[in-house]
N, C-alpha and C. Protein backbone atom coordinates (compact mmCIF):
# COMPACT_ATOMS: atom_id res chain seq x y z
N MET A 1 95.89 87.90 91.69
CA MET A 1 97.29 87.99 91.51
C MET A 1 97.62 87.92 93.21
N SER A 2 99.06 87.20 93.19
CA SER A 2 99.31 86.68 94.33
C SER A 2 99.89 87.90 95.09
N GLY A 3 99.49 87.77 96.76
CA GLY A 3 100.53 88.91 97.53
C GLY A 3 101.80 88.98 97.03
N PHE A 4 102.62 87.99 96.90
CA PHE A 4 104.31 88.21 96.44
C PHE A 4 104.31 88.97 95.00
N ASN A 5 103.48 88.77 94.10
CA ASN A 5 103.29 89.30 92.69
C ASN A 5 102.98 90.77 92.86
N LEU A 6 102.04 90.91 93.77
CA LEU A 6 101.73 92.69 93.82
C LEU A 6 102.80 93.29 94.94
N LEU A 7 103.35 92.63 95.60
CA LEU A 7 104.71 93.36 96.21
C LEU A 7 105.38 93.37 95.35
N HIS A 8 105.73 92.42 94.69
CA HIS A 8 107.11 92.20 93.59
C HIS A 8 106.68 93.75 92.52
N LEU A 9 105.60 93.85 92.15
CA LEU A 9 105.22 95.01 91.31
C LEU A 9 105.20 96.46 92.14
N VAL A 10 104.95 96.34 93.09
CA VAL A 10 104.89 97.54 93.93
C VAL A 10 106.39 98.08 94.30
N SER A 11 107.38 96.89 94.46
CA SER A 11 108.61 97.31 94.76
C SER A 11 109.66 97.56 93.18
N GLN A 12 108.87 97.67 92.36
CA GLN A 12 109.47 97.71 91.04
C GLN A 12 110.75 96.54 90.99
N GLY A 13 110.33 95.34 91.20
CA GLY A 13 111.30 94.35 90.71
C GLY A 13 112.61 94.24 91.96
N GLN A 14 112.40 95.19 92.71
CA GLN A 14 113.64 95.08 93.68
C GLN A 14 113.21 94.06 94.72
N PRO A 15 114.47 93.60 95.39
CA PRO A 15 113.98 92.49 96.38
C PRO A 15 113.25 93.46 97.81
N VAL A 16 112.39 92.78 98.27
CA VAL A 16 111.55 93.47 99.15
C VAL A 16 112.48 92.67 100.69
N LYS A 17 112.74 93.70 101.71
CA LYS A 17 112.92 93.50 102.79
C LYS A 17 112.07 93.24 103.83
N LEU A 18 111.90 92.23 104.49
CA LEU A 18 110.74 92.18 105.40
C LEU A 18 111.54 92.82 106.76
N LYS A 19 110.60 93.13 107.51
CA LYS A 19 110.88 93.54 109.02
C LYS A 19 110.23 92.52 109.92
N ALA A 20 110.36 92.70 111.07
CA ALA A 20 109.90 91.82 112.08
C ALA A 20 108.49 91.80 112.29
N CYS A 21 107.65 92.93 112.06
CA CYS A 21 106.22 92.66 111.76
C CYS A 21 105.48 91.92 110.14
N SER A 22 106.67 91.70 109.77
CA SER A 22 106.20 91.00 108.31
C SER A 22 105.74 92.32 107.15
N LEU A 23 105.85 93.58 107.72
CA LEU A 23 105.74 94.73 106.58
C LEU A 23 106.92 94.77 105.82
N PRO A 24 106.89 94.69 104.53
CA PRO A 24 108.16 95.26 103.80
C PRO A 24 108.08 96.81 103.76
N SER A 25 109.82 97.03 103.59
CA SER A 25 110.08 98.46 103.49
C SER A 25 109.43 99.58 104.16
N GLY A 26 109.29 99.48 105.14
CA GLY A 26 108.57 100.55 105.83
C GLY A 26 108.34 100.41 107.49
N THR A 27 108.14 101.25 108.38
CA THR A 27 108.27 100.94 109.94
C THR A 27 106.92 100.29 110.09
N CYS A 28 107.09 99.58 111.65
CA CYS A 28 105.91 98.95 112.10
C CYS A 28 105.02 100.13 113.25
N ARG A 29 104.08 100.00 113.34
CA ARG A 29 103.67 100.99 114.15
C ARG A 29 103.25 100.42 115.41
N SER A 30 104.31 100.23 116.49
CA SER A 30 103.96 99.70 117.67
C SER A 30 103.30 100.44 119.06
N LYS A 31 103.25 101.89 118.44
CA LYS A 31 102.73 102.89 119.70
C LYS A 31 101.07 102.69 119.35
N LYS A 32 100.69 102.35 120.71
CA LYS A 32 99.08 102.16 120.65
C LYS A 32 98.38 103.54 121.35
N THR A 33 99.28 104.26 121.94
CA THR A 33 98.91 105.64 122.64
C THR A 33 99.76 106.48 122.34
N TRP A 34 99.51 107.63 122.38
CA TRP A 34 100.22 108.83 121.78
C TRP A 34 100.27 109.92 123.19
N PRO A 35 101.16 110.73 122.83
CA PRO A 35 101.44 111.75 124.35
C PRO A 35 100.28 112.55 124.48
N LYS A 36 99.58 113.14 123.31
CA LYS A 36 98.59 113.89 123.35
C LYS A 36 97.26 113.11 122.87
N THR A 37 96.21 112.84 123.87
CA THR A 37 95.25 112.32 123.37
C THR A 37 93.80 113.10 123.72
N PHE A 38 92.56 112.80 123.13
CA PHE A 38 91.64 113.54 122.81
C PHE A 38 90.33 112.47 122.53
N THR A 39 89.08 112.78 123.46
CA THR A 39 88.08 111.93 123.52
C THR A 39 87.49 112.16 122.16
N GLU A 40 86.68 111.17 122.05
CA GLU A 40 86.12 111.35 120.34
C GLU A 40 84.96 112.77 120.42
N GLU A 41 84.31 112.63 121.77
CA GLU A 41 83.31 113.67 121.84
C GLU A 41 84.12 115.20 121.59
N GLU A 42 85.35 115.50 122.51
CA GLU A 42 86.06 116.57 122.13
C GLU A 42 86.51 116.72 120.60
N LEU A 43 86.33 115.87 120.25
CA LEU A 43 87.32 116.07 118.47
C LEU A 43 86.28 116.31 117.82
N ARG A 44 84.92 115.69 118.14
CA ARG A 44 83.73 116.04 117.19
C ARG A 44 83.45 117.50 117.18
N LYS A 45 83.64 117.98 118.63
CA LYS A 45 83.02 119.25 118.73
C LYS A 45 84.16 120.31 118.17
N ARG A 46 85.26 119.90 118.57
CA ARG A 46 86.06 120.87 117.84
C ARG A 46 86.53 120.90 116.43
N LEU A 47 86.28 119.60 115.80
CA LEU A 47 86.82 119.63 114.33
C LEU A 47 85.58 119.64 113.34
N THR A 48 85.86 119.96 112.20
CA THR A 48 84.76 120.02 111.26
C THR A 48 84.63 118.49 110.69
N PRO A 49 83.32 118.32 109.97
CA PRO A 49 83.02 116.95 109.76
C PRO A 49 84.31 116.21 109.02
N MET A 50 84.93 117.16 108.10
CA MET A 50 86.18 116.89 106.82
C MET A 50 87.07 116.66 107.80
N GLU A 51 87.42 117.48 108.48
CA GLU A 51 88.79 117.48 109.39
C GLU A 51 88.73 116.06 110.34
N TYR A 52 87.57 115.82 110.90
CA TYR A 52 87.05 114.65 111.85
C TYR A 52 87.72 113.42 111.00
N HIS A 53 87.05 113.37 109.59
CA HIS A 53 86.98 112.41 108.83
C HIS A 53 88.41 111.98 108.31
N VAL A 54 89.26 112.77 107.73
CA VAL A 54 90.63 112.80 107.52
C VAL A 54 91.64 112.43 108.64
N THR A 55 91.42 112.87 109.57
CA THR A 55 92.49 112.84 110.94
C THR A 55 92.11 111.54 111.51
N GLN A 56 90.97 111.04 111.68
CA GLN A 56 90.23 110.14 113.10
C GLN A 56 89.86 109.13 112.08
N GLU A 57 89.54 109.24 111.01
CA GLU A 57 89.21 107.79 110.05
C GLU A 57 89.73 107.61 108.86
N LYS A 58 91.11 108.04 108.57
CA LYS A 58 91.79 108.08 107.73
C LYS A 58 91.46 108.28 106.23
N GLY A 59 90.36 109.48 106.50
CA GLY A 59 89.88 109.76 104.90
C GLY A 59 90.79 110.52 104.37
N THR A 60 90.22 111.01 102.93
CA THR A 60 91.08 111.68 101.89
C THR A 60 90.15 112.75 101.46
N GLU A 61 90.57 114.11 101.26
CA GLU A 61 89.72 115.08 100.80
C GLU A 61 90.05 115.09 99.31
N SER A 62 88.79 115.66 98.64
CA SER A 62 88.98 115.42 96.85
C SER A 62 90.13 116.29 96.70
N ALA A 63 90.89 115.81 95.51
CA ALA A 63 92.10 116.76 94.84
C ALA A 63 91.60 117.95 94.73
N PHE A 64 92.68 118.87 94.71
CA PHE A 64 92.40 120.24 94.13
C PHE A 64 91.04 121.03 94.85
N ALA A 65 90.57 120.55 96.01
CA ALA A 65 89.79 121.04 96.81
C ALA A 65 89.83 121.60 98.05
N GLY A 66 91.13 121.39 98.55
CA GLY A 66 91.43 121.88 100.00
C GLY A 66 91.96 123.33 100.12
N LYS A 67 92.09 123.70 101.18
CA LYS A 67 92.11 125.30 101.18
C LYS A 67 93.57 125.75 101.40
N HIS A 68 94.57 124.67 101.54
CA HIS A 68 96.06 124.89 101.58
C HIS A 68 96.71 124.52 100.39
N THR A 69 95.75 123.79 99.04
CA THR A 69 96.45 123.18 98.04
C THR A 69 97.33 124.45 97.27
N ASP A 70 96.90 125.78 97.30
CA ASP A 70 97.10 126.70 96.71
C ASP A 70 97.38 127.75 97.50
N ASN A 71 97.87 127.48 98.47
CA ASN A 71 98.18 129.01 99.66
C ASN A 71 99.89 128.78 99.36
N LYS A 72 99.97 130.28 99.01
CA LYS A 72 101.58 130.85 98.58
C LYS A 72 102.04 131.45 99.49
N GLU A 73 101.14 131.84 100.92
CA GLU A 73 101.59 132.88 102.12
C GLU A 73 102.78 131.84 102.56
N GLU A 74 103.63 132.96 103.17
CA GLU A 74 104.68 132.33 103.94
C GLU A 74 104.27 132.10 105.60
N GLY A 75 104.64 131.15 105.96
CA GLY A 75 104.35 130.67 107.49
C GLY A 75 104.28 128.85 107.72
N ASN A 76 103.87 128.64 108.65
CA ASN A 76 104.10 127.10 109.06
C ASN A 76 102.53 126.48 109.20
N TYR A 77 102.98 125.21 109.00
CA TYR A 77 101.50 124.35 108.69
C TYR A 77 101.55 123.43 109.82
N HIS A 78 100.38 123.25 110.69
CA HIS A 78 100.60 122.48 112.18
C HIS A 78 99.39 121.54 111.94
N CYS A 79 99.70 120.50 113.12
CA CYS A 79 98.47 119.53 112.91
C CYS A 79 97.16 119.86 113.43
N VAL A 80 95.81 119.69 112.85
CA VAL A 80 94.82 120.17 112.94
C VAL A 80 94.23 119.97 114.50
N VAL A 81 94.57 118.90 114.83
CA VAL A 81 94.20 118.08 116.22
C VAL A 81 95.06 118.78 117.36
N CYS A 82 96.35 118.60 117.10
CA CYS A 82 96.88 119.05 118.35
C CYS A 82 97.58 120.19 118.20
N GLY A 83 97.83 120.92 117.07
CA GLY A 83 98.72 121.67 117.08
C GLY A 83 100.33 121.54 116.99
N ALA A 84 100.79 120.24 116.45
CA ALA A 84 102.22 119.96 116.53
C ALA A 84 102.81 120.74 115.01
N SER A 85 103.86 121.58 115.13
CA SER A 85 104.51 122.03 113.81
C SER A 85 104.89 121.21 112.97
N LEU A 86 104.75 120.89 111.81
CA LEU A 86 104.91 119.93 110.93
C LEU A 86 105.79 120.31 109.50
N PHE A 87 105.68 121.39 108.61
CA PHE A 87 105.74 122.02 107.88
C PHE A 87 105.83 123.49 107.52
N THR A 88 106.98 123.85 106.82
CA THR A 88 107.15 125.36 106.53
C THR A 88 106.60 125.73 105.19
N SER A 89 106.20 126.95 104.98
CA SER A 89 106.06 127.11 103.21
C SER A 89 107.25 127.01 102.49
N ASP A 90 108.45 127.28 103.33
CA ASP A 90 109.63 126.82 102.45
C ASP A 90 110.03 125.76 101.59
N MET A 91 109.22 124.60 102.52
CA MET A 91 109.34 123.06 102.03
C MET A 91 108.30 122.90 101.09
N LYS A 92 107.06 123.81 100.95
CA LYS A 92 106.28 123.18 99.94
C LYS A 92 106.32 123.58 98.67
N PHE A 93 106.08 122.32 97.49
CA PHE A 93 105.86 122.84 96.38
C PHE A 93 104.64 122.37 95.59
N ASP A 94 104.64 122.70 94.13
CA ASP A 94 103.46 122.33 93.53
C ASP A 94 103.80 120.99 92.45
N SER A 95 103.03 119.94 93.19
CA SER A 95 103.38 118.84 93.05
C SER A 95 102.39 118.33 91.49
N GLY A 96 101.30 119.18 91.19
CA GLY A 96 100.33 118.83 90.47
C GLY A 96 99.19 117.93 90.91
N SER A 97 99.39 117.22 92.06
CA SER A 97 98.88 116.18 92.73
C SER A 97 97.31 116.71 93.02
N GLY A 98 97.04 117.86 93.51
CA GLY A 98 95.79 118.33 94.14
C GLY A 98 95.73 118.42 95.24
N TRP A 99 96.89 118.25 96.09
CA TRP A 99 96.87 118.15 97.45
C TRP A 99 98.01 118.91 97.84
N PRO A 100 98.12 119.26 99.12
CA PRO A 100 99.71 120.43 99.60
C PRO A 100 100.57 119.24 99.61
N SER A 101 101.61 119.54 99.12
CA SER A 101 103.22 118.79 98.91
C SER A 101 104.21 119.55 99.56
N PHE A 102 105.02 118.73 100.30
CA PHE A 102 105.92 119.26 101.02
C PHE A 102 107.12 118.45 100.58
N PHE A 103 108.87 118.76 100.44
CA PHE A 103 109.72 117.80 100.40
C PHE A 103 110.15 117.61 101.75
N ASP A 104 109.81 117.94 102.73
CA ASP A 104 110.46 117.53 103.97
C ASP A 104 109.45 117.89 105.35
N VAL A 105 110.07 117.64 106.32
CA VAL A 105 109.09 117.93 107.54
C VAL A 105 110.09 118.68 108.59
N ILE A 106 109.62 119.75 109.30
CA ILE A 106 110.31 120.62 110.24
C ILE A 106 111.21 119.68 110.99
N ASN A 107 110.78 118.41 111.66
CA ASN A 107 111.31 117.47 112.60
C ASN A 107 110.95 116.14 112.13
N LYS A 108 112.07 115.29 111.80
CA LYS A 108 111.61 113.99 111.41
C LYS A 108 111.05 113.49 112.86
N GLU A 109 110.95 113.93 113.97
CA GLU A 109 109.98 113.25 115.06
C GLU A 109 108.59 113.49 115.17
N SER A 110 108.25 114.67 114.28
CA SER A 110 107.18 115.06 114.43
C SER A 110 106.18 114.12 113.45
N ILE A 111 106.67 113.16 112.88
CA ILE A 111 105.95 112.51 112.19
C ILE A 111 106.16 110.92 112.59
N THR A 112 104.89 110.11 112.31
CA THR A 112 104.97 108.49 112.09
C THR A 112 104.93 107.95 111.08
N GLN A 113 105.71 107.15 110.26
CA GLN A 113 105.41 106.65 109.45
C GLN A 113 104.90 105.03 109.27
N THR A 114 103.80 104.68 108.69
CA THR A 114 103.20 103.26 108.90
C THR A 114 103.08 102.63 107.63
N ASP A 115 103.35 101.60 107.21
CA ASP A 115 102.61 100.96 106.02
C ASP A 115 101.34 100.90 105.71
N ASP A 116 100.80 101.26 104.53
CA ASP A 116 99.51 101.17 104.40
C ASP A 116 99.21 100.63 102.91
N PHE A 117 98.54 99.25 103.21
CA PHE A 117 98.19 98.87 101.88
C PHE A 117 97.05 98.69 101.51
N SER A 118 96.12 99.54 102.00
CA SER A 118 94.68 99.62 101.39
C SER A 118 94.63 99.75 99.95
N TYR A 119 93.64 99.46 99.40
CA TYR A 119 93.13 99.80 97.89
C TYR A 119 94.24 99.05 97.17
N GLY A 120 94.83 97.99 97.40
CA GLY A 120 95.44 97.06 96.70
C GLY A 120 96.85 97.85 96.44
N MET A 121 97.56 98.48 97.14
CA MET A 121 98.95 99.20 96.95
C MET A 121 99.50 99.40 98.28
N HIS A 122 100.80 99.39 97.97
CA HIS A 122 101.68 100.23 99.13
C HIS A 122 102.02 101.29 99.05
N ARG A 123 101.66 102.39 100.43
CA ARG A 123 101.72 103.69 100.17
C ARG A 123 102.51 103.55 101.91
N VAL A 124 103.01 104.52 101.87
CA VAL A 124 103.56 104.69 103.45
C VAL A 124 102.57 106.24 103.98
N GLU A 125 101.83 105.87 105.06
CA GLU A 125 101.18 107.10 105.92
C GLU A 125 101.74 107.51 106.87
N ILE A 126 101.34 109.01 106.97
CA ILE A 126 102.00 109.78 107.57
C ILE A 126 100.99 110.18 108.86
N ASN A 127 101.47 110.03 110.05
CA ASN A 127 100.50 110.33 111.09
C ASN A 127 101.28 111.58 112.16
N CYS A 128 100.79 112.20 112.65
CA CYS A 128 101.06 113.01 113.67
C CYS A 128 101.56 112.44 114.71
N SER A 129 103.14 112.48 114.89
CA SER A 129 103.61 111.39 116.15
C SER A 129 103.06 111.82 117.82
N GLN A 130 102.40 113.14 117.77
CA GLN A 130 102.20 113.47 118.78
C GLN A 130 100.76 113.12 119.15
N CYS A 131 99.38 112.96 118.21
CA CYS A 131 98.03 112.67 118.51
C CYS A 131 97.80 111.64 117.75
N GLY A 132 98.78 111.00 116.68
CA GLY A 132 97.87 109.98 115.87
C GLY A 132 97.29 110.33 114.81
N ALA A 133 97.10 111.44 114.46
CA ALA A 133 96.11 112.23 113.59
C ALA A 133 96.71 111.45 111.97
N HIS A 134 95.62 111.13 110.98
CA HIS A 134 96.39 110.64 109.76
C HIS A 134 96.30 112.23 109.21
N LEU A 135 97.65 112.46 108.70
CA LEU A 135 97.81 113.61 107.70
C LEU A 135 97.71 113.43 106.05
N GLY A 136 98.23 112.29 106.19
CA GLY A 136 98.65 111.91 104.46
C GLY A 136 99.24 110.52 104.05
N HIS A 137 100.40 110.85 103.10
CA HIS A 137 100.98 109.79 102.59
C HIS A 137 102.34 110.32 101.95
N VAL A 138 103.51 109.69 102.11
CA VAL A 138 104.86 110.22 101.53
C VAL A 138 105.23 109.35 100.45
N PHE A 139 105.77 110.05 99.25
CA PHE A 139 105.86 109.07 98.03
C PHE A 139 107.69 109.40 97.67
N ASP A 140 108.27 108.46 97.05
CA ASP A 140 109.80 108.84 96.40
C ASP A 140 109.89 109.80 95.60
N ASP A 141 108.56 110.58 94.86
CA ASP A 141 108.79 111.10 93.69
C ASP A 141 108.94 112.78 93.96
N GLY A 142 109.30 113.07 94.24
CA GLY A 142 109.57 114.73 95.28
C GLY A 142 110.80 115.25 94.55
N PRO A 143 111.30 116.54 94.76
CA PRO A 143 112.31 117.22 94.09
C PRO A 143 113.45 117.14 95.05
N ARG A 144 114.40 117.57 94.57
CA ARG A 144 115.72 117.55 95.36
C ARG A 144 115.45 118.52 96.38
N PRO A 145 116.01 118.25 97.76
CA PRO A 145 117.18 117.56 98.11
C PRO A 145 116.77 116.12 98.59
N SER A 146 115.62 116.01 99.10
CA SER A 146 115.08 115.15 99.62
C SER A 146 114.61 113.93 98.51
N ARG A 147 114.15 114.29 97.47
CA ARG A 147 113.10 113.43 96.94
C ARG A 147 112.24 112.81 97.33
N LYS A 148 111.57 113.45 98.51
CA LYS A 148 110.05 112.78 98.88
C LYS A 148 109.21 113.91 98.65
N ARG A 149 108.10 113.55 98.44
CA ARG A 149 106.53 114.30 98.59
C ARG A 149 105.70 113.67 99.45
N TYR A 150 105.76 114.63 100.40
CA TYR A 150 104.86 114.38 101.95
C TYR A 150 103.22 114.87 100.77
N CYS A 151 102.55 114.07 100.83
CA CYS A 151 101.29 114.61 100.14
C CYS A 151 100.27 114.74 101.35
N MET A 152 99.67 115.87 101.83
CA MET A 152 99.26 116.06 102.75
C MET A 152 97.57 116.30 102.45
N ASN A 153 96.84 116.10 103.64
CA ASN A 153 95.57 116.64 103.16
C ASN A 153 94.93 118.27 103.83
N SER A 154 94.79 119.10 103.09
CA SER A 154 94.55 120.31 104.08
C SER A 154 93.74 119.82 105.00
N ALA A 155 92.73 119.22 105.14
CA ALA A 155 91.71 119.32 106.41
C ALA A 155 92.57 118.68 107.46
N SER A 156 93.63 118.35 107.05
CA SER A 156 94.57 117.60 108.52
C SER A 156 95.56 118.66 108.90
N LEU A 157 95.69 119.89 108.23
CA LEU A 157 96.74 120.90 108.63
C LEU A 157 96.06 122.23 109.01
N SER A 158 96.42 123.09 109.83
CA SER A 158 96.13 124.28 110.11
C SER A 158 97.50 125.21 109.79
N PHE A 159 97.17 126.31 109.33
CA PHE A 159 98.19 127.36 109.06
C PHE A 159 98.66 128.60 109.88
N GLN A 160 99.73 128.76 110.02
CA GLN A 160 99.98 130.04 110.90
C GLN A 160 100.77 130.92 110.03
N SER A 161 100.09 132.05 109.29
CA SER A 161 101.24 132.80 108.79
C SER A 161 102.17 133.57 109.53
N LYS A 162 103.47 134.07 108.85
CA LYS A 162 104.34 134.50 109.26
C LYS A 162 104.02 135.89 110.19
N ASN A 163 102.65 136.53 110.15
CA ASN A 163 102.28 137.91 110.38
C ASN A 163 101.34 137.39 111.37
N GLU A 164 100.93 136.05 111.73
CA GLU A 164 99.64 135.83 112.56
C GLU A 164 100.29 135.24 113.79
N ALA A 165 99.26 135.43 115.26
CA ALA A 165 99.66 134.86 116.48
C ALA A 165 99.37 133.45 116.59
N GLU A 166 98.19 133.14 115.73
CA GLU A 166 97.54 131.81 115.77
C GLU A 166 97.17 131.02 114.70
N PRO A 167 97.55 129.80 114.67
CA PRO A 167 97.07 129.06 113.19
C PRO A 167 95.88 129.37 112.61
N THR A 168 95.52 129.27 111.66
CA THR A 168 94.21 129.51 110.59
C THR A 168 93.78 128.23 110.79
N ARG A 169 92.61 127.52 110.58
CA ARG A 169 91.72 126.37 110.65
C ARG A 169 91.85 126.18 109.10
N ALA A 170 91.60 124.82 108.85
CA ALA A 170 91.56 124.24 107.62
C ALA A 170 89.95 124.37 107.04
N ALA A 171 89.63 124.43 105.80
CA ALA A 171 88.33 123.99 105.35
C ALA A 171 87.48 125.29 105.94
N SER A 172 86.17 124.90 105.80
CA SER A 172 84.99 125.67 106.49
C SER A 172 84.87 125.17 108.25
N GLN A 173 84.90 126.07 108.88
CA GLN A 173 84.65 125.90 110.19
C GLN A 173 83.39 126.02 110.84
N SER A 174 83.18 124.94 111.69
CA SER A 174 81.67 125.03 112.39
C SER A 174 81.77 126.21 113.59
N PRO A 175 80.98 126.74 113.70
CA PRO A 175 81.15 127.68 114.89
C PRO A 175 81.59 127.12 116.38
N SER A 176 81.33 125.82 116.72
CA SER A 176 81.90 125.30 117.70
C SER A 176 83.35 125.05 117.70
N SER A 177 83.93 124.59 116.53
CA SER A 177 85.55 124.30 116.32
C SER A 177 86.07 125.73 116.47
N SER A 178 85.67 127.14 115.87
CA SER A 178 86.30 128.21 115.92
C SER A 178 86.31 129.00 117.32
N LYS A 179 85.43 128.69 118.30
CA LYS A 179 85.37 129.24 119.62
C LYS A 179 86.37 128.90 120.40
N ASN A 180 87.01 127.54 120.00
CA ASN A 180 87.98 126.81 120.97
C ASN A 180 89.59 127.29 120.58
N GLY A 181 90.13 128.17 121.49
CA GLY A 181 91.55 128.40 120.87
C GLY A 181 92.46 127.62 121.27
N GLU A 182 92.22 126.39 121.78
CA GLU A 182 93.46 125.41 122.11
C GLU A 182 94.36 125.24 121.16
N LEU A 183 94.20 124.91 119.74
CA LEU A 183 95.00 125.08 118.82
C LEU A 183 95.82 125.85 118.81
């Protein structure tokens, strides 16, 4: 199948608007550096192997396996790498996808959207706008009012309950990642 036919199928037969970077219907990532940066060594010490894989290598955790998938507590979700505030429990809904899903973000400036053509399909990747960590993808099949489904990896999020002072870490922590309170 040609690239044009694939784009035609992905866009459901709608005309595809090309941007200056030649990517259809999304934003171009021109930012090469992020406001908050960390060395690979520091991240490997601080994050669990799954957190590192998801946030730094654009990995995906298995469906229905993440710590936050069924979390019903009230509170806020933060980037596990830099602590940026991303979502609230009021924005969460059960999409049945197997990953935590949200219909909106706390602040549109807290995320960066990038076209992702991996696996032969077009998706919109979501990254933390502070540190560039891969968080997940956004789809246009969510509930009202936004009609968006921000499908996030639990491993990319830490959770801060309304009754807590510090965000809790996703998935099983290694001892080295739990003793660092910088998040």
